[in-house]
Amino acid sequence: LPSGPRVRLGEARPGDLLGDLTAFDGDARVSSWTAVSPVTLAVVSAASLERMTQDDSRLAVALLGWIGKRLSLRLRQANARLGAALSRPDPAG
C-alpha cells in the first residue's frame, strides 16, 4: 500500500464499489479504506471474476454490466467536477 498521510477522499454508501478497477486491470491498489460503522461486504477478486465467466457466464455478464454502469457514473461525476474546477476564474489573475 502507498505510504504517506491519511487523507479522507470520500465516504462509501450501500451499494458502492471499492477497488473495482483492480478487479479489471490487476494493478496494485492505490488506496485503502477504514470502516467507521459496521459493514457487510462482498469480495470479488479478479481470479473469481475470471472463474465466474467460465462457470456462470450469465451472472458474470450481469455483474460486469452493473460494475460498468457504476464506473461510468463515477467517471461522469469526476468529469463534471473537473469541468467545474477548470471553469472557475483564476484568483491569481
Protein backbone atom coordinates (compact mmCIF):
# COMPACT_ATOMS: atom_id res chain seq x y z
CA LEU A 1 0.00 0.00 0.00
CA PRO A 2 1.12 3.56 -0.57
CA SER A 3 2.60 5.37 2.39
CA GLY A 4 2.02 8.92 3.42
CA PRO A 5 -0.51 10.99 5.29
CA ARG A 6 -4.07 9.73 5.62
CA VAL A 7 -6.47 11.73 3.51
CA ARG A 8 -10.23 11.31 3.55
CA LEU A 9 -11.29 11.11 -0.08
CA GLY A 10 -14.90 10.19 0.39
CA GLU A 11 -17.48 8.07 2.04
CA ALA A 12 -18.97 4.88 0.67
CA ARG A 13 -22.71 4.24 0.76
CA PRO A 14 -24.68 0.99 0.48
CA GLY A 15 -24.18 -0.45 -2.99
CA ASP A 16 -20.93 1.41 -3.66
CA LEU A 17 -17.93 -0.32 -5.19
CA LEU A 18 -14.46 -0.17 -3.71
CA GLY A 19 -11.40 -1.47 -5.53
CA ASP A 20 -13.36 -2.18 -8.69
CA LEU A 21 -10.62 -1.08 -11.08
CA THR A 22 -8.19 -3.58 -9.58
CA ALA A 23 -10.58 -6.41 -10.46
CA PHE A 24 -10.32 -5.33 -14.12
CA ASP A 25 -6.70 -4.37 -14.57
CA GLY A 26 -4.92 -6.29 -11.80
CA ASP A 27 -2.83 -3.26 -10.82
CA ALA A 28 -1.97 -2.59 -7.21
CA ARG A 29 -4.47 -0.72 -5.10
CA VAL A 30 -3.82 2.97 -4.68
CA SER A 31 -5.91 3.47 -1.56
CA SER A 32 -7.23 1.70 1.50
CA TRP A 33 -10.44 2.05 3.45
CA THR A 34 -11.41 2.22 7.08
CA ALA A 35 -14.95 1.40 8.19
CA VAL A 36 -16.44 3.87 10.66
CA SER A 37 -19.55 1.72 11.20
CA PRO A 38 -20.42 -1.97 10.79
CA VAL A 39 -20.38 -3.12 7.15
CA THR A 40 -21.30 -6.14 5.09
CA LEU A 41 -19.06 -6.74 2.08
CA ALA A 42 -18.91 -8.94 -0.94
CA VAL A 43 -15.36 -9.52 -2.15
CA VAL A 44 -14.92 -10.45 -5.80
CA SER A 45 -11.29 -10.95 -6.77
CA ALA A 46 -10.03 -10.78 -10.32
CA ALA A 47 -9.50 -14.56 -10.20
CA SER A 48 -13.03 -15.26 -9.01
CA LEU A 49 -14.42 -12.91 -11.64
CA GLU A 50 -12.47 -14.84 -14.27
CA ARG A 51 -13.82 -18.16 -12.93
CA MET A 52 -17.32 -16.74 -12.94
CA THR A 53 -17.05 -16.02 -16.67
CA GLN A 54 -16.47 -19.76 -17.18
CA ASP A 55 -18.82 -21.20 -14.56
CA ASP A 56 -21.80 -18.82 -14.72
CA SER A 57 -21.45 -16.54 -17.71
CA ARG A 58 -24.93 -15.01 -17.28
CA LEU A 59 -24.10 -13.93 -13.74
CA ALA A 60 -20.70 -12.63 -14.87
CA VAL A 61 -22.29 -10.58 -17.65
CA ALA A 62 -24.85 -9.12 -15.24
CA LEU A 63 -22.18 -8.29 -12.66
CA LEU A 64 -19.85 -6.74 -15.24
CA GLY A 65 -22.72 -4.69 -16.65
CA TRP A 66 -23.58 -3.41 -13.18
CA ILE A 67 -19.93 -2.59 -12.46
CA GLY A 68 -19.64 -0.86 -15.84
CA LYS A 69 -22.64 1.37 -15.09
CA ARG A 70 -21.19 2.27 -11.68
CA LEU A 71 -17.81 3.10 -13.22
CA SER A 72 -19.47 5.18 -15.93
CA LEU A 73 -21.40 7.16 -13.33
CA ARG A 74 -18.25 7.75 -11.30
CA LEU A 75 -16.37 8.91 -14.40
CA ARG A 76 -19.18 11.29 -15.35
CA GLN A 77 -19.16 12.75 -11.83
CA ALA A 78 -15.37 13.19 -11.93
CA ASN A 79 -15.62 14.86 -15.35
CA ALA A 80 -18.28 17.24 -14.03
CA ARG A 81 -16.12 18.16 -11.02
CA LEU A 82 -13.09 18.68 -13.24
CA GLY A 83 -15.09 20.80 -15.67
CA ALA A 84 -16.41 22.94 -12.82
CA ALA A 85 -12.92 23.37 -11.38
CA LEU A 86 -11.47 24.36 -14.76
CA SER A 87 -14.23 26.88 -15.46
CA ARG A 88 -13.66 28.81 -12.21
CA PRO A 89 -11.87 32.13 -12.67
CA ASP A 90 -8.21 32.09 -11.71
CA PRO A 91 -7.93 34.02 -8.41
CA ALA A 92 -4.32 34.94 -9.27
CA GLY A 93 -5.19 36.87 -12.22
